[in-house]
């Protein structure tokens, strides 16, 4: 099922679990926001609004409130010594669509929790090695062994200049004088 809704003067086509960036919408991360201006609801049967679909709603979870990259507006009037430089960062909201509701249903007030990544398992000591007596077994210091630096490549010895006179750089050949009119 998909829906087309309107927010911030723009229209977005979304489905459940889509993540999108929209112009700033009020809400803290983790809250559910509702968009009531649904223009199209599609699925088995497409419903077009005139201009909106009655009773339809899109519910989304706020993931982040942030600002975009800086945009520089620079104006210059040539030969007039007039320059204006202005920077702007557009605020946006990162949303995850949770539900597309029809027939006046209400969205669930809590966001569905996302499974968090489990921490990576710690490397185990190879079999046959005993843990150090100074450090307790299972500590992070015992698990991390110092790393050796990679061996350096052998460098070729530089050729030495022969004993005696050192070579002088070749003198640049002078260009012949340019023939033409002489200045008075």
Protein backbone atom coordinates (compact mmCIF):
# COMPACT_ATOMS: atom_id res chain seq x y z
CA UNK A 1 0.00 0.00 0.00
CA UNK A 2 1.25 3.49 -0.80
CA UNK A 3 0.06 7.03 -0.22
CA UNK A 4 0.81 10.51 -1.55
CA UNK A 5 0.73 13.17 1.14
CA UNK A 6 1.51 16.87 1.23
CA UNK A 7 3.74 18.71 3.70
CA UNK A 8 5.87 21.83 3.42
CA UNK A 9 4.41 22.68 0.02
CA UNK A 10 5.72 19.42 -1.46
CA UNK A 11 4.15 16.04 -2.20
CA UNK A 12 5.73 12.70 -1.24
CA UNK A 13 4.85 9.17 -2.40
CA UNK A 14 5.53 6.79 0.48
CA UNK A 15 4.96 3.23 1.63
CA UNK A 16 5.26 1.69 5.09
CA UNK A 17 8.83 1.67 6.53
CA UNK A 18 10.10 4.30 4.04
CA UNK A 19 12.63 6.81 5.39
CA UNK A 20 12.50 10.31 3.93
CA UNK A 21 13.72 13.84 4.53
CA UNK A 22 11.05 16.58 4.67
CA UNK A 23 11.05 20.27 5.58
CA UNK A 24 11.07 20.80 9.34
CA UNK A 25 8.07 19.39 11.20
CA UNK A 26 7.44 19.87 14.93
CA UNK A 27 8.31 16.83 16.99
CA UNK A 28 11.09 15.29 19.06
CA UNK A 29 12.99 12.19 17.94
CA UNK A 30 10.93 9.11 18.79
CA UNK A 31 7.53 10.89 18.56
CA UNK A 32 4.79 9.96 16.09
CA UNK A 33 3.57 12.76 13.78
CA UNK A 34 0.44 12.60 11.63
CA UNK A 35 -0.12 14.01 8.15
CA UNK A 36 -3.79 14.54 7.28
CA UNK A 37 -3.44 16.00 3.77
CA UNK A 38 -3.41 12.65 1.93
CA UNK A 39 -4.01 13.08 -1.79
CA UNK A 40 -3.90 9.46 -3.03
CA UNK A 41 -4.14 6.09 -1.32
CA UNK A 42 -3.11 3.13 -3.46
CA UNK A 43 -3.06 -0.59 -3.00
CA UNK A 44 -5.67 -3.09 -4.25
CA UNK A 45 -7.96 -0.19 -5.17
CA UNK A 46 -6.60 3.31 -5.77
CA UNK A 47 -8.51 6.14 -4.04
CA UNK A 48 -8.04 9.64 -5.42
CA UNK A 49 -8.87 12.66 -3.30
CA UNK A 50 -10.79 15.72 -4.35
CA UNK A 51 -8.48 17.40 -3.22
CA UNK A 52 -7.77 15.08 -0.24
CA UNK A 53 -8.96 11.60 0.73
CA UNK A 54 -11.48 11.84 3.58
CA UNK A 55 -10.43 9.94 6.71
CA UNK A 56 -6.97 8.99 5.40
CA UNK A 57 -3.84 9.72 7.40
CA UNK A 58 -0.12 8.95 7.23
CA UNK A 59 1.69 8.33 10.54
CA UNK A 60 5.46 8.71 10.77
CA UNK A 61 8.10 8.48 13.48
CA UNK A 62 10.56 11.37 13.82
CA UNK A 63 14.08 9.96 13.58
CA UNK A 64 16.11 13.18 13.63
CA UNK A 65 15.85 16.98 13.50
CA UNK A 66 18.83 18.44 11.69
CA UNK A 67 20.13 21.03 9.23
CA UNK A 68 21.37 20.50 5.69
CA UNK A 69 24.63 21.57 4.12
CA UNK A 70 25.41 25.29 3.88
CA UNK A 71 24.29 27.02 0.70
CA UNK A 72 26.18 30.21 -0.22
CA UNK A 73 24.27 33.04 -1.91
CA UNK A 74 26.80 35.43 -3.46
CA UNK A 75 25.80 38.53 -5.43
CA UNK A 76 28.24 40.80 -7.21
CA UNK A 77 27.74 43.87 -9.35
CA UNK A 78 30.81 44.15 -11.51
CA UNK A 79 32.74 47.40 -11.59
CA UNK A 80 30.55 48.81 -8.79
CA UNK A 81 32.50 47.55 -5.73
CA UNK A 82 29.32 45.83 -4.52
CA UNK A 83 29.38 42.30 -3.10
CA UNK A 84 26.99 40.45 -0.78
CA UNK A 85 27.67 36.99 0.64
CA UNK A 86 25.08 35.13 2.66
CA UNK A 87 24.98 31.54 3.91
CA UNK A 88 21.91 29.43 4.65
CA UNK A 89 21.32 25.97 6.14
CA UNK A 90 17.85 24.54 5.57
CA UNK A 91 16.34 22.69 8.53
CA UNK A 92 14.84 19.27 7.87
CA UNK A 93 13.22 16.35 9.66
CA UNK A 94 14.12 12.73 9.00
CA UNK A 95 10.99 10.54 9.14
CA UNK A 96 10.21 6.84 9.00
CA UNK A 97 6.68 6.08 7.79
CA UNK A 98 5.04 3.72 10.27
CA UNK A 99 1.43 3.41 9.03
CA UNK A 100 -0.92 4.45 6.26
CA UNK A 101 -4.40 4.68 7.75
CA UNK A 102 -7.79 4.89 6.05
CA UNK A 103 -11.41 5.18 7.21
CA UNK A 104 -10.60 7.49 10.14
CA UNK A 105 -8.46 4.99 12.09
CA UNK A 106 -6.10 6.40 14.70
CA UNK A 107 -2.35 5.65 14.65
CA UNK A 108 -0.69 3.79 17.48
CA UNK A 109 0.82 6.36 19.84
CA UNK A 110 4.10 4.53 20.40
CA UNK A 111 6.76 3.96 17.83
CA UNK A 112 7.64 0.38 17.04
CA UNK A 113 11.06 -0.13 18.60
CA UNK A 114 13.81 -0.97 16.13
CA UNK A 115 16.14 -3.81 17.08
CA UNK A 116 19.50 -2.43 18.17
CA UNK A 117 22.72 -3.92 16.90
CA UNK A 118 24.38 -6.33 19.28
CA UNK A 119 27.96 -5.43 20.16
CA UNK A 120 30.61 -7.38 18.28
CA UNK A 121 31.85 -10.42 20.20
CA UNK A 122 35.25 -10.00 21.83
CA UNK A 123 38.05 -12.10 20.35
CA UNK A 124 38.95 -15.11 22.43
CA UNK A 125 42.48 -16.14 23.32
CA UNK A 126 43.79 -18.95 21.09
CA UNK A 127 43.71 -22.41 22.60
CA UNK A 128 46.93 -23.42 24.33
CA UNK A 129 47.86 -19.96 25.62
CA UNK A 130 47.51 -19.14 29.26
CA UNK A 131 46.25 -15.72 30.36
CA UNK A 132 48.79 -13.47 32.07
CA UNK A 133 48.87 -13.65 35.83
CA UNK A 134 49.20 -9.86 36.13
CA UNK A 135 45.98 -9.14 34.22
CA UNK A 136 42.66 -10.71 35.11
CA UNK A 137 41.30 -13.18 32.59
CA UNK A 138 38.65 -11.74 30.31
CA UNK A 139 39.79 -8.13 30.61
CA UNK A 140 40.02 -6.00 27.50
CA UNK A 141 43.74 -5.48 28.03
CA UNK A 142 44.35 -9.23 27.89
CA UNK A 143 42.25 -9.62 24.75
CA UNK A 144 44.09 -6.90 22.81
CA UNK A 145 47.67 -7.79 21.98
CA UNK A 146 50.11 -5.07 20.86
CA UNK A 147 50.39 -4.88 17.09
CA UNK A 148 53.71 -5.00 15.32
CA UNK A 149 54.62 -2.40 12.73
CA UNK A 150 54.97 -3.58 9.15
CA UNK A 151 58.58 -4.08 8.02
CA UNK A 152 60.03 -1.19 6.04
CA UNK A 153 61.09 -1.67 2.44
CA UNK A 154 64.81 -1.63 1.71
CA UNK A 155 65.95 1.54 -0.05
CA UNK A 156 68.55 1.61 -2.80
CA UNK A 157 71.73 3.52 -1.91
CA UNK A 158 72.09 6.81 -3.77
CA UNK A 159 74.88 7.09 -6.32
CA UNK A 160 77.68 9.39 -5.21
CA UNK A 161 79.15 12.11 -7.45
CA UNK A 162 82.64 11.26 -8.79
CA UNK A 163 85.53 12.91 -6.99
CA UNK A 164 86.96 15.95 -8.75
CA UNK A 165 85.23 18.88 -10.37
CA UNK A 166 81.53 19.24 -9.78
CA UNK A 167 79.44 19.86 -12.85
CA UNK A 168 78.07 23.34 -13.30
CA UNK A 169 74.56 23.76 -14.66
CA UNK A 170 74.54 24.60 -18.36
CA UNK A 171 74.17 28.32 -19.05
CA UNK A 172 70.99 29.34 -20.82
CA UNK A 173 71.52 30.49 -24.38
CA UNK A 174 70.70 34.14 -24.81
CA UNK A 175 68.06 34.94 -27.38
CA UNK A 176 69.02 37.31 -30.20
CA UNK A 177 67.76 40.91 -29.89
CA UNK A 178 64.35 41.60 -31.43
CA UNK A 179 64.51 43.83 -34.51
CA UNK A 180 61.88 46.49 -34.82
CA UNK A 181 61.14 50.12 -34.24
CA UNK A 182 63.13 51.89 -31.59
CA UNK A 183 61.31 53.98 -29.04
CA UNK A 184 62.06 57.73 -29.11
